[in-house]
Full PDB file with SEQRES, HELIX, SHEET, SSBOND, CRYST1, ORIGX, SCALE, CONECT and MASTER records, all heavy atoms in Angstrom:
SEQRES   1 A   41  GLU ASP ALA PRO HIS PRO ASP LEU SER GLN ILE LYS GLY          
SEQRES   2 A   41  HIS LYS PRO ILE LEU ALA VAL CYS TYR GLY ALA GLN TYR          
SEQRES   3 A   41  LEU ALA HIS PHE ASN GLY GLY SER VAL GLU PRO SER ASN          
SEQRES   4 A   41  ILE ARG                                                      
HELIX    1 AA1 TYR A   22  HIS A   29  1                                   8    
CRYST1    1.000    1.000    1.000  90.00  90.00  90.00 P 1           1          
ORIGX1      1.000000  0.000000  0.000000        0.00000                         
ORIGX2      0.000000  1.000000  0.000000        0.00000                         
ORIGX3      0.000000  0.000000  1.000000        0.00000                         
SCALE1      1.000000  0.000000  0.000000        0.00000                         
SCALE2      0.000000  1.000000  0.000000        0.00000                         
SCALE3      0.000000  0.000000  1.000000        0.00000                         
ATOM      1  N   GLU A   1      90.475 116.144 107.480  1.00  0.00           N  
ATOM      2  CA  GLU A   1      91.417 116.258 108.593  1.00  0.00           C  
ATOM      3  C   GLU A   1      91.974 114.913 109.027  1.00  0.00           C  
ATOM      4  O   GLU A   1      93.111 114.822 109.495  1.00  0.00           O  
ATOM      5  CB  GLU A   1      90.737 116.948 109.783  1.00  0.00           C  
ATOM      6  CG  GLU A   1      90.451 118.430 109.560  1.00  0.00           C  
ATOM      7  CD  GLU A   1      89.888 119.088 110.807  1.00  0.00           C  
ATOM      8  OE1 GLU A   1      89.842 118.416 111.863  1.00  0.00           O  
ATOM      9  OE2 GLU A   1      89.505 120.269 110.724  1.00  0.00           O  
ATOM     10  N   ASP A   2      91.159 113.872 108.908  1.00  0.00           N  
ATOM     11  CA  ASP A   2      91.603 112.540 109.359  1.00  0.00           C  
ATOM     12  C   ASP A   2      92.169 111.697 108.228  1.00  0.00           C  
ATOM     13  O   ASP A   2      92.286 110.474 108.341  1.00  0.00           O  
ATOM     14  CB  ASP A   2      90.437 111.798 110.018  1.00  0.00           C  
ATOM     15  CG  ASP A   2      89.245 111.602 109.074  1.00  0.00           C  
ATOM     16  OD1 ASP A   2      89.221 112.251 108.001  1.00  0.00           O  
ATOM     17  OD2 ASP A   2      88.358 110.793 109.414  1.00  0.00           O  
ATOM     18  N   ALA A   3      92.541 112.325 107.112  1.00  0.00           N  
ATOM     19  CA  ALA A   3      93.084 111.582 105.971  1.00  0.00           C  
ATOM     20  C   ALA A   3      94.428 110.947 106.329  1.00  0.00           C  
ATOM     21  O   ALA A   3      95.210 111.528 107.085  1.00  0.00           O  
ATOM     22  CB  ALA A   3      93.255 112.514 104.778  1.00  0.00           C  
ATOM     23  N   PRO A   4      94.704 109.748 105.813  1.00  0.00           N  
ATOM     24  CA  PRO A   4      96.014 109.123 106.034  1.00  0.00           C  
ATOM     25  C   PRO A   4      97.136 110.037 105.547  1.00  0.00           C  
ATOM     26  O   PRO A   4      97.083 110.559 104.433  1.00  0.00           O  
ATOM     27  CB  PRO A   4      95.930 107.849 105.188  1.00  0.00           C  
ATOM     28  CG  PRO A   4      94.477 107.560 105.061  1.00  0.00           C  
ATOM     29  CD  PRO A   4      93.802 108.899 105.026  1.00  0.00           C  
ATOM     30  N   HIS A   5      98.136 110.238 106.396  1.00  0.00           N  
ATOM     31  CA  HIS A   5      99.224 111.167 106.068  1.00  0.00           C  
ATOM     32  C   HIS A   5     100.549 110.568 106.536  1.00  0.00           C  
ATOM     33  O   HIS A   5     101.108 110.968 107.556  1.00  0.00           O  
ATOM     34  CB  HIS A   5      98.969 112.521 106.722  1.00  0.00           C  
ATOM     35  CG  HIS A   5      99.921 113.592 106.274  1.00  0.00           C  
ATOM     36  ND1 HIS A   5      99.879 114.879 106.744  1.00  0.00           N  
ATOM     37  CD2 HIS A   5     100.954 113.549 105.403  1.00  0.00           C  
ATOM     38  CE1 HIS A   5     100.838 115.587 106.184  1.00  0.00           C  
ATOM     39  NE2 HIS A   5     101.498 114.800 105.372  1.00  0.00           N  
ATOM     40  N   PRO A   6     101.091 109.585 105.801  1.00  0.00           N  
ATOM     41  CA  PRO A   6     102.338 108.940 106.210  1.00  0.00           C  
ATOM     42  C   PRO A   6     103.564 109.781 105.856  1.00  0.00           C  
ATOM     43  O   PRO A   6     103.497 110.682 105.008  1.00  0.00           O  
ATOM     44  CB  PRO A   6     102.333 107.640 105.409  1.00  0.00           C  
ATOM     45  CG  PRO A   6     101.621 108.016 104.151  1.00  0.00           C  
ATOM     46  CD  PRO A   6     100.550 108.995 104.569  1.00  0.00           C  
ATOM     47  N   ASP A   7     104.663 109.477 106.489  1.00  0.00           N  
ATOM     48  CA  ASP A   7     105.936 110.113 106.170  1.00  0.00           C  
ATOM     49  C   ASP A   7     106.602 109.322 105.047  1.00  0.00           C  
ATOM     50  O   ASP A   7     107.049 108.193 105.257  1.00  0.00           O  
ATOM     51  CB  ASP A   7     106.828 110.131 107.416  1.00  0.00           C  
ATOM     52  CG  ASP A   7     108.199 110.751 107.147  1.00  0.00           C  
ATOM     53  OD1 ASP A   7     108.405 111.293 106.040  1.00  0.00           O  
ATOM     54  OD2 ASP A   7     109.054 110.678 108.037  1.00  0.00           O  
ATOM     55  N   LEU A   8     106.651 109.900 103.858  1.00  0.00           N  
ATOM     56  CA  LEU A   8     107.237 109.229 102.694  1.00  0.00           C  
ATOM     57  C   LEU A   8     108.624 109.767 102.364  1.00  0.00           C  
ATOM     58  O   LEU A   8     109.134 109.545 101.265  1.00  0.00           O  
ATOM     59  CB  LEU A   8     106.321 109.399 101.475  1.00  0.00           C  
ATOM     60  CG  LEU A   8     104.891 108.850 101.598  1.00  0.00           C  
ATOM     61  CD1 LEU A   8     104.122 109.101 100.311  1.00  0.00           C  
ATOM     62  CD2 LEU A   8     104.904 107.358 101.931  1.00  0.00           C  
ATOM     63  N   SER A   9     109.254 110.442 103.328  1.00  0.00           N  
ATOM     64  CA  SER A   9     110.538 111.089 103.052  1.00  0.00           C  
ATOM     65  C   SER A   9     111.637 110.093 102.677  1.00  0.00           C  
ATOM     66  O   SER A   9     112.574 110.449 101.965  1.00  0.00           O  
ATOM     67  CB  SER A   9     110.976 111.922 104.259  1.00  0.00           C  
ATOM     68  OG  SER A   9     111.110 111.107 105.418  1.00  0.00           O  
ATOM     69  N   GLN A  10     111.523 108.863 103.158  1.00  0.00           N  
ATOM     70  CA  GLN A  10     112.531 107.844 102.822  1.00  0.00           C  
ATOM     71  C   GLN A  10     112.174 107.074 101.548  1.00  0.00           C  
ATOM     72  O   GLN A  10     112.930 106.206 101.117  1.00  0.00           O  
ATOM     73  CB  GLN A  10     112.682 106.857 103.984  1.00  0.00           C  
ATOM     74  CG  GLN A  10     113.134 107.494 105.286  1.00  0.00           C  
ATOM     75  CD  GLN A  10     114.441 108.250 105.138  1.00  0.00           C  
ATOM     76  OE1 GLN A  10     115.433 107.713 104.624  1.00  0.00           O  
ATOM     77  NE2 GLN A  10     114.449 109.504 105.575  1.00  0.00           N  
ATOM     78  N   ILE A  11     111.033 107.415 100.948  1.00  0.00           N  
ATOM     79  CA  ILE A  11     110.584 106.702  99.750  1.00  0.00           C  
ATOM     80  C   ILE A  11     110.572 107.619  98.530  1.00  0.00           C  
ATOM     81  O   ILE A  11     111.200 107.328  97.516  1.00  0.00           O  
ATOM     82  CB  ILE A  11     109.170 106.116  99.982  1.00  0.00           C  
ATOM     83  CG1 ILE A  11     109.211 105.061 101.088  1.00  0.00           C  
ATOM     84  CG2 ILE A  11     108.611 105.532  98.690  1.00  0.00           C  
ATOM     85  CD1 ILE A  11     107.855 104.508 101.461  1.00  0.00           C  
ATOM     86  N   LYS A  12     109.879 108.762  98.636  1.00  0.00           N  
ATOM     87  CA  LYS A  12     109.753 109.672  97.492  1.00  0.00           C  
ATOM     88  C   LYS A  12     111.122 110.236  97.101  1.00  0.00           C  
ATOM     89  O   LYS A  12     111.844 110.805  97.921  1.00  0.00           O  
ATOM     90  CB  LYS A  12     108.791 110.801  97.811  1.00  0.00           C  
ATOM     91  CG  LYS A  12     108.480 111.710  96.614  1.00  0.00           C  
ATOM     92  CD  LYS A  12     107.443 112.748  96.975  1.00  0.00           C  
ATOM     93  CE  LYS A  12     107.155 113.676  95.790  1.00  0.00           C  
ATOM     94  NZ  LYS A  12     108.329 114.461  95.386  1.00  0.00           N  
ATOM     95  N   GLY A  13     111.480 110.046  95.850  1.00  0.00           N  
ATOM     96  CA  GLY A  13     112.775 110.493  95.360  1.00  0.00           C  
ATOM     97  C   GLY A  13     113.877 109.474  95.565  1.00  0.00           C  
ATOM     98  O   GLY A  13     114.969 109.612  94.998  1.00  0.00           O  
ATOM     99  N   HIS A  14     113.582 108.431  96.355  1.00  0.00           N  
ATOM    100  CA  HIS A  14     114.574 107.384  96.628  1.00  0.00           C  
ATOM    101  C   HIS A  14     114.200 106.048  95.970  1.00  0.00           C  
ATOM    102  O   HIS A  14     115.084 105.274  95.609  1.00  0.00           O  
ATOM    103  CB  HIS A  14     114.723 107.174  98.137  1.00  0.00           C  
ATOM    104  CG  HIS A  14     115.145 108.395  98.884  1.00  0.00           C  
ATOM    105  ND1 HIS A  14     116.453 108.833  98.941  1.00  0.00           N  
ATOM    106  CD2 HIS A  14     114.416 109.286  99.617  1.00  0.00           C  
ATOM    107  CE1 HIS A  14     116.527 109.939  99.671  1.00  0.00           C  
ATOM    108  NE2 HIS A  14     115.295 110.230 100.096  1.00  0.00           N  
ATOM    109  N   LYS A  15     112.901 105.788  95.866  1.00  0.00           N  
ATOM    110  CA  LYS A  15     112.397 104.554  95.273  1.00  0.00           C  
ATOM    111  C   LYS A  15     111.419 104.888  94.154  1.00  0.00           C  
ATOM    112  O   LYS A  15     110.710 105.898  94.230  1.00  0.00           O  
ATOM    113  CB  LYS A  15     111.648 103.713  96.322  1.00  0.00           C  
ATOM    114  CG  LYS A  15     112.472 103.317  97.539  1.00  0.00           C  
ATOM    115  CD  LYS A  15     113.328 102.114  97.262  1.00  0.00           C  
ATOM    116  CE  LYS A  15     114.055 101.674  98.534  1.00  0.00           C  
ATOM    117  NZ  LYS A  15     114.932 100.514  98.284  1.00  0.00           N  
ATOM    118  N   PRO A  16     111.339 104.065  93.113  1.00  0.00           N  
ATOM    119  CA  PRO A  16     110.278 104.249  92.125  1.00  0.00           C  
ATOM    120  C   PRO A  16     108.906 104.103  92.790  1.00  0.00           C  
ATOM    121  O   PRO A  16     108.677 103.168  93.562  1.00  0.00           O  
ATOM    122  CB  PRO A  16     110.524 103.121  91.117  1.00  0.00           C  
ATOM    123  CG  PRO A  16     111.973 102.780  91.275  1.00  0.00           C  
ATOM    124  CD  PRO A  16     112.266 102.973  92.736  1.00  0.00           C  
ATOM    125  N   ILE A  17     108.010 105.037  92.523  1.00  0.00           N  
ATOM    126  CA  ILE A  17     106.673 105.044  93.119  1.00  0.00           C  
ATOM    127  C   ILE A  17     105.625 105.028  92.018  1.00  0.00           C  
ATOM    128  O   ILE A  17     105.741 105.759  91.030  1.00  0.00           O  
ATOM    129  CB  ILE A  17     106.450 106.301  93.989  1.00  0.00           C  
ATOM    130  CG1 ILE A  17     107.336 106.286  95.227  1.00  0.00           C  
ATOM    131  CG2 ILE A  17     104.987 106.424  94.414  1.00  0.00           C  
ATOM    132  CD1 ILE A  17     107.218 107.552  96.070  1.00  0.00           C  
ATOM    133  N   LEU A  18     104.583 104.196  92.211  1.00  0.00           N  
ATOM    134  CA  LEU A  18     103.365 104.294  91.420  1.00  0.00           C  
ATOM    135  C   LEU A  18     102.239 104.600  92.397  1.00  0.00           C  
ATOM    136  O   LEU A  18     101.894 103.767  93.244  1.00  0.00           O  
ATOM    137  CB  LEU A  18     103.069 103.003  90.656  1.00  0.00           C  
ATOM    138  CG  LEU A  18     101.755 103.029  89.857  1.00  0.00           C  
ATOM    139  CD1 LEU A  18     101.823 104.069  88.731  1.00  0.00           C  
ATOM    140  CD2 LEU A  18     101.433 101.652  89.274  1.00  0.00           C  
ATOM    141  N   ALA A  19     101.695 105.819  92.306  1.00  0.00           N  
ATOM    142  CA  ALA A  19     100.627 106.246  93.211  1.00  0.00           C  
ATOM    143  C   ALA A  19      99.288 106.108  92.501  1.00  0.00           C  
ATOM    144  O   ALA A  19      99.082 106.673  91.433  1.00  0.00           O  
ATOM    145  CB  ALA A  19     100.860 107.692  93.637  1.00  0.00           C  
ATOM    146  N   VAL A  20      98.370 105.347  93.102  1.00  0.00           N  
ATOM    147  CA  VAL A  20      97.087 105.033  92.484  1.00  0.00           C  
ATOM    148  C   VAL A  20      95.967 105.797  93.188  1.00  0.00           C  
ATOM    149  O   VAL A  20      95.834 105.725  94.412  1.00  0.00           O  
ATOM    150  CB  VAL A  20      96.806 103.515  92.553  1.00  0.00           C  
ATOM    151  CG1 VAL A  20      95.428 103.189  92.003  1.00  0.00           C  
ATOM    152  CG2 VAL A  20      97.891 102.737  91.822  1.00  0.00           C  
ATOM    153  N   CYS A  21      95.176 106.548  92.432  1.00  0.00           N  
ATOM    154  CA  CYS A  21      93.973 107.225  92.918  1.00  0.00           C  
ATOM    155  C   CYS A  21      94.275 108.108  94.136  1.00  0.00           C  
ATOM    156  O   CYS A  21      94.855 109.171  93.985  1.00  0.00           O  
ATOM    157  CB  CYS A  21      92.879 106.196  93.211  1.00  0.00           C  
ATOM    158  SG  CYS A  21      91.226 106.928  93.350  1.00  0.00           S  
ATOM    159  N   TYR A  22      93.926 107.682  95.359  1.00  0.00           N  
ATOM    160  CA  TYR A  22      94.228 108.483  96.539  1.00  0.00           C  
ATOM    161  C   TYR A  22      95.714 108.793  96.608  1.00  0.00           C  
ATOM    162  O   TYR A  22      96.115 109.915  96.960  1.00  0.00           O  
ATOM    163  CB  TYR A  22      93.792 107.756  97.814  1.00  0.00           C  
ATOM    164  CG  TYR A  22      94.152 108.509  99.081  1.00  0.00           C  
ATOM    165  CD1 TYR A  22      93.261 109.422  99.644  1.00  0.00           C  
ATOM    166  CD2 TYR A  22      95.382 108.303  99.711  1.00  0.00           C  
ATOM    167  CE1 TYR A  22      93.595 110.126 100.798  1.00  0.00           C  
ATOM    168  CE2 TYR A  22      95.725 109.001 100.855  1.00  0.00           C  
ATOM    169  CZ  TYR A  22      94.831 109.904 101.399  1.00  0.00           C  
ATOM    170  OH  TYR A  22      95.172 110.604 102.532  1.00  0.00           O  
ATOM    171  N   GLY A  23      96.545 107.788  96.279  1.00  0.00           N  
ATOM    172  CA  GLY A  23      97.980 108.001  96.312  1.00  0.00           C  
ATOM    173  C   GLY A  23      98.406 109.131  95.394  1.00  0.00           C  
ATOM    174  O   GLY A  23      99.257 109.964  95.744  1.00  0.00           O  
ATOM    175  N   ALA A  24      97.793 109.189  94.205  1.00  0.00           N  
ATOM    176  CA  ALA A  24      98.105 110.253  93.246  1.00  0.00           C  
ATOM    177  C   ALA A  24      97.673 111.610  93.795  1.00  0.00           C  
ATOM    178  O   ALA A  24      98.393 112.618  93.666  1.00  0.00           O  
ATOM    179  CB  ALA A  24      97.419 109.975  91.915  1.00  0.00           C  
ATOM    180  N   GLN A  25      96.497 111.667  94.405  1.00  0.00           N  
ATOM    181  CA  GLN A  25      96.007 112.911  94.972  1.00  0.00           C  
ATOM    182  C   GLN A  25      96.816 113.318  96.194  1.00  0.00           C  
ATOM    183  O   GLN A  25      97.067 114.511  96.423  1.00  0.00           O  
ATOM    184  CB  GLN A  25      94.523 112.756  95.317  1.00  0.00           C  
ATOM    185  CG  GLN A  25      93.647 112.537  94.085  1.00  0.00           C  
ATOM    186  CD  GLN A  25      92.198 112.255  94.421  1.00  0.00           C  
ATOM    187  OE1 GLN A  25      91.824 112.191  95.581  1.00  0.00           O  
ATOM    188  NE2 GLN A  25      91.376 112.074  93.395  1.00  0.00           N  
ATOM    189  N   TYR A  26      97.263 112.344  96.966  1.00  0.00           N  
ATOM    190  CA  TYR A  26      98.087 112.625  98.144  1.00  0.00           C  
ATOM    191  C   TYR A  26      99.392 113.301  97.743  1.00  0.00           C  
ATOM    192  O   TYR A  26      99.789 114.317  98.328  1.00  0.00           O  
ATOM    193  CB  TYR A  26      98.372 111.316  98.883  1.00  0.00           C  
ATOM    194  CG  TYR A  26      99.272 111.477 100.085  1.00  0.00           C  
ATOM    195  CD1 TYR A  26      98.739 111.812 101.322  1.00  0.00           C  
ATOM    196  CD2 TYR A  26     100.648 111.309  99.976  1.00  0.00           C  
ATOM    197  CE1 TYR A  26      99.558 111.976 102.427  1.00  0.00           C  
ATOM    198  CE2 TYR A  26     101.472 111.469 101.074  1.00  0.00           C  
ATOM    199  CZ  TYR A  26     100.923 111.800 102.299  1.00  0.00           C  
ATOM    200  OH  TYR A  26     101.739 111.980 103.386  1.00  0.00           O  
ATOM    201  N   LEU A  27     100.064 112.745  96.727  1.00  0.00           N  
ATOM    202  CA  LEU A  27     101.331 113.328  96.285  1.00  0.00           C  
ATOM    203  C   LEU A  27     101.130 114.733  95.730  1.00  0.00           C  
ATOM    204  O   LEU A  27     101.989 115.606  95.903  1.00  0.00           O  
ATOM    205  CB  LEU A  27     101.985 112.437  95.228  1.00  0.00           C  
ATOM    206  CG  LEU A  27     102.510 111.080  95.713  1.00  0.00           C  
ATOM    207  CD1 LEU A  27     103.156 110.321  94.556  1.00  0.00           C  
ATOM    208  CD2 LEU A  27     103.501 111.252  96.852  1.00  0.00           C  
ATOM    209  N   ALA A  28     100.008 114.960  95.062  1.00  0.00           N  
ATOM    210  CA  ALA A  28      99.737 116.298  94.536  1.00  0.00           C  
ATOM    211  C   ALA A  28      99.430 117.274  95.669  1.00  0.00           C  
ATOM    212  O   ALA A  28     100.014 118.363  95.756  1.00  0.00           O  
ATOM    213  CB  ALA A  28      98.574 116.239  93.544  1.00  0.00           C  
ATOM    214  N   HIS A  29      98.538 116.892  96.562  1.00  0.00           N  
ATOM    215  CA  HIS A  29      98.051 117.776  97.621  1.00  0.00           C  
ATOM    216  C   HIS A  29      99.167 118.245  98.545  1.00  0.00           C  
ATOM    217  O   HIS A  29      99.180 119.414  98.979  1.00  0.00           O  
ATOM    218  CB  HIS A  29      96.970 117.044  98.420  1.00  0.00           C  
ATOM    219  CG  HIS A  29      96.329 117.859  99.498  1.00  0.00           C  
ATOM    220  ND1 HIS A  29      95.495 118.922  99.232  1.00  0.00           N  
ATOM    221  CD2 HIS A  29      96.399 117.777 100.861  1.00  0.00           C  
ATOM    222  CE1 HIS A  29      95.069 119.454 100.373  1.00  0.00           C  
ATOM    223  NE2 HIS A  29      95.609 118.771 101.373  1.00  0.00           N  
ATOM    224  N   PHE A  30     100.101 117.355  98.872  1.00  0.00           N  
ATOM    225  CA  PHE A  30     101.143 117.687  99.842  1.00  0.00           C  
ATOM    226  C   PHE A  30     102.477 118.061  99.196  1.00  0.00           C  
ATOM    227  O   PHE A  30     103.491 118.145  99.891  1.00  0.00           O  
ATOM    228  CB  PHE A  30     101.334 116.524 100.818  1.00  0.00           C  
ATOM    229  CG  PHE A  30     100.180 116.327 101.751  1.00  0.00           C  
ATOM    230  CD1 PHE A  30      99.273 115.296 101.556  1.00  0.00           C  
ATOM    231  CD2 PHE A  30      99.970 117.184 102.820  1.00  0.00           C  
ATOM    232  CE1 PHE A  30      98.192 115.114 102.407  1.00  0.00           C  
ATOM    233  CE2 PHE A  30      98.896 117.020 103.676  1.00  0.00           C  
ATOM    234  CZ  PHE A  30      98.011 115.978 103.470  1.00  0.00           C  
ATOM    235  N   ASN A  31     102.484 118.288  97.890  1.00  0.00           N  
ATOM    236  CA  ASN A  31     103.730 118.648  97.207  1.00  0.00           C  
ATOM    237  C   ASN A  31     103.521 119.786  96.214  1.00  0.00           C  
ATOM    238  O   ASN A  31     104.077 119.780  95.117  1.00  0.00           O  
ATOM    239  CB  ASN A  31     104.323 117.418  96.505  1.00  0.00           C  
ATOM    240  CG  ASN A  31     104.847 116.387  97.481  1.00  0.00           C  
ATOM    241  OD1 ASN A  31     105.957 116.501  98.002  1.00  0.00           O  
ATOM    242  ND2 ASN A  31     104.033 115.364  97.740  1.00  0.00           N  
ATOM    243  N   GLY A  32     102.703 120.764  96.617  1.00  0.00           N  
ATOM    244  CA  GLY A  32     102.571 121.971  95.822  1.00  0.00           C  
ATOM    245  C   GLY A  32     101.447 121.983  94.809  1.00  0.00           C  
ATOM    246  O   GLY A  32     101.238 122.995  94.139  1.00  0.00           O  
ATOM    247  N   GLY A  33     100.710 120.886  94.667  1.00  0.00           N  
ATOM    248  CA  GLY A  33      99.566 120.851  93.764  1.00  0.00           C  
ATOM    249  C   GLY A  33      98.287 121.133  94.518  1.00  0.00           C  
ATOM    250  O   GLY A  33      98.307 121.547  95.681  1.00  0.00           O  
ATOM    251  N   SER A  34      97.155 120.919  93.862  1.00  0.00           N  
ATOM    252  CA  SER A  34      95.875 121.136  94.536  1.00  0.00           C  
ATOM    253  C   SER A  34      94.874 120.057  94.132  1.00  0.00           C  
ATOM    254  O   SER A  34      94.844 119.607  92.982  1.00  0.00           O  
ATOM    255  CB  SER A  34      95.308 122.516  94.196  1.00  0.00           C  
ATOM    256  OG  SER A  34      95.024 122.617  92.815  1.00  0.00           O  
ATOM    257  N   VAL A  35      94.081 119.656  95.100  1.00  0.00           N  
ATOM    258  CA  VAL A  35      93.025 118.659  94.899  1.00  0.00           C  
ATOM    259  C   VAL A  35      91.705 119.299  95.296  1.00  0.00           C  
ATOM    260  O   VAL A  35      91.585 119.871  96.386  1.00  0.00           O  
ATOM    261  CB  VAL A  35      93.295 117.388  95.727  1.00  0.00           C  
ATOM    262  CG1 VAL A  35      92.140 116.409  95.597  1.00  0.00           C  
ATOM    263  CG2 VAL A  35      94.606 116.739  95.305  1.00  0.00           C  
ATOM    264  N   GLU A  36      90.714 119.202  94.421  1.00  0.00           N  
ATOM    265  CA  GLU A  36      89.430 119.841  94.662  1.00  0.00           C  
ATOM    266  C   GLU A  36      88.293 118.860  94.395  1.00  0.00           C  
ATOM    267  O   GLU A  36      88.485 117.866  93.675  1.00  0.00           O  
ATOM    268  CB  GLU A  36      89.274 121.069  93.749  1.00  0.00           C  
ATOM    269  CG  GLU A  36      90.327 122.138  93.965  1.00  0.00           C  
ATOM    270  CD  GLU A  36      90.196 123.278  92.974  1.00  0.00           C  
ATOM    271  OE1 GLU A  36      89.296 123.208  92.100  1.00  0.00           O  
ATOM    272  OE2 GLU A  36      91.001 124.230  93.060  1.00  0.00           O  
ATOM    273  N   PRO A  37      87.122 119.136  94.950  1.00  0.00           N  
ATOM    274  CA  PRO A  37      85.970 118.273  94.635  1.00  0.00           C  
ATOM    275  C   PRO A  37      85.671 118.309  93.136  1.00  0.00           C  
ATOM    276  O   PRO A  37      85.790 119.348  92.497  1.00  0.00           O  
ATOM    277  CB  PRO A  37      84.822 118.913  95.433  1.00  0.00           C  
ATOM    278  CG  PRO A  37      85.492 119.701  96.497  1.00  0.00           C  
ATOM    279  CD  PRO A  37      86.779 120.182  95.926  1.00  0.00           C  
ATOM    280  N   SER A  38      85.307 117.168  92.581  1.00  0.00           N  
ATOM    281  CA  SER A  38      85.013 117.086  91.154  1.00  0.00           C  
ATOM    282  C   SER A  38      83.679 117.752  90.847  1.00  0.00           C  
ATOM    283  O   SER A  38      82.726 117.655  91.629  1.00  0.00           O  
ATOM    284  CB  SER A  38      84.945 115.627  90.694  1.00  0.00           C  
ATOM    285  OG  SER A  38      86.150 114.961  90.981  1.00  0.00           O  
ATOM    286  N   ASN A  39      83.617 118.443  89.713  1.00  0.00           N  
ATOM    287  CA  ASN A  39      82.358 119.025  89.261  1.00  0.00           C  
ATOM    288  C   ASN A  39      81.395 117.957  88.767  1.00  0.00           C  
ATOM    289  O   ASN A  39      80.186 118.099  88.821  1.00  0.00           O  
ATOM    290  CB  ASN A  39      82.616 120.048  88.155  1.00  0.00           C  
ATOM    291  CG  ASN A  39      83.361 121.267  88.670  1.00  0.00           C  
ATOM    292  OD1 ASN A  39      83.126 121.695  89.791  1.00  0.00           O  
ATOM    293  ND2 ASN A  39      84.264 121.799  87.870  1.00  0.00           N  
ATOM    294  N   ILE A  40      81.979 116.867  88.230  1.00  0.00           N  
ATOM    295  CA  ILE A  40      81.177 115.732  87.785  1.00  0.00           C  
ATOM    296  C   ILE A  40      81.686 114.473  88.488  1.00  0.00           C  
ATOM    297  O   ILE A  40      82.856 114.387  88.842  1.00  0.00           O  
ATOM    298  CB  ILE A  40      81.285 115.516  86.257  1.00  0.00           C  
ATOM    299  CG1 ILE A  40      82.591 115.975  85.720  1.00  0.00           C  
ATOM    300  CG2 ILE A  40      80.134 115.963  85.504  1.00  0.00           C  
ATOM    301  CD1 ILE A  40      82.713 115.717  84.247  1.00  0.00           C  
ATOM    302  N   ARG A  41      80.797 113.523  88.696  1.00  0.00           N  
ATOM    303  CA  ARG A  41      81.191 112.278  89.369  1.00  0.00           C  
ATOM    304  C   ARG A  41      82.152 111.507  88.480  1.00  0.00           C  
ATOM    305  O   ARG A  41      81.867 111.268  87.312  1.00  0.00           O  
ATOM    306  CB  ARG A  41      79.956 111.429  89.671  1.00  0.00           C  
ATOM    307  CG  ARG A  41      79.068 112.030  90.735  1.00  0.00           C  
ATOM    308  CD  ARG A  41      77.750 111.284  90.840  1.00  0.00           C  
ATOM    309  NE  ARG A  41      77.959 109.880  91.213  1.00  0.00           N  
ATOM    310  CZ  ARG A  41      78.094 109.449  92.460  1.00  0.00           C  
ATOM    311  NH1 ARG A  41      78.083 110.312  93.457  1.00  0.00           N  
ATOM    312  NH2 ARG A  41      78.244 108.183  92.735  1.00  0.00           N  
TER     313      ARG A  41                                                      
MASTER        0    0    0    1    0    0    0    6  312    1    0    4          
END                                                                             
């Protein structure tokens, strides 16, 4: 619930983005994908 949740509306689709780790999961989670706990570490 307290995860960082910035407004990227002026960036996504407007600027080239490289999302690393959390960034990659953030873009998936809030844009129609799904993020789940890993079965293995």
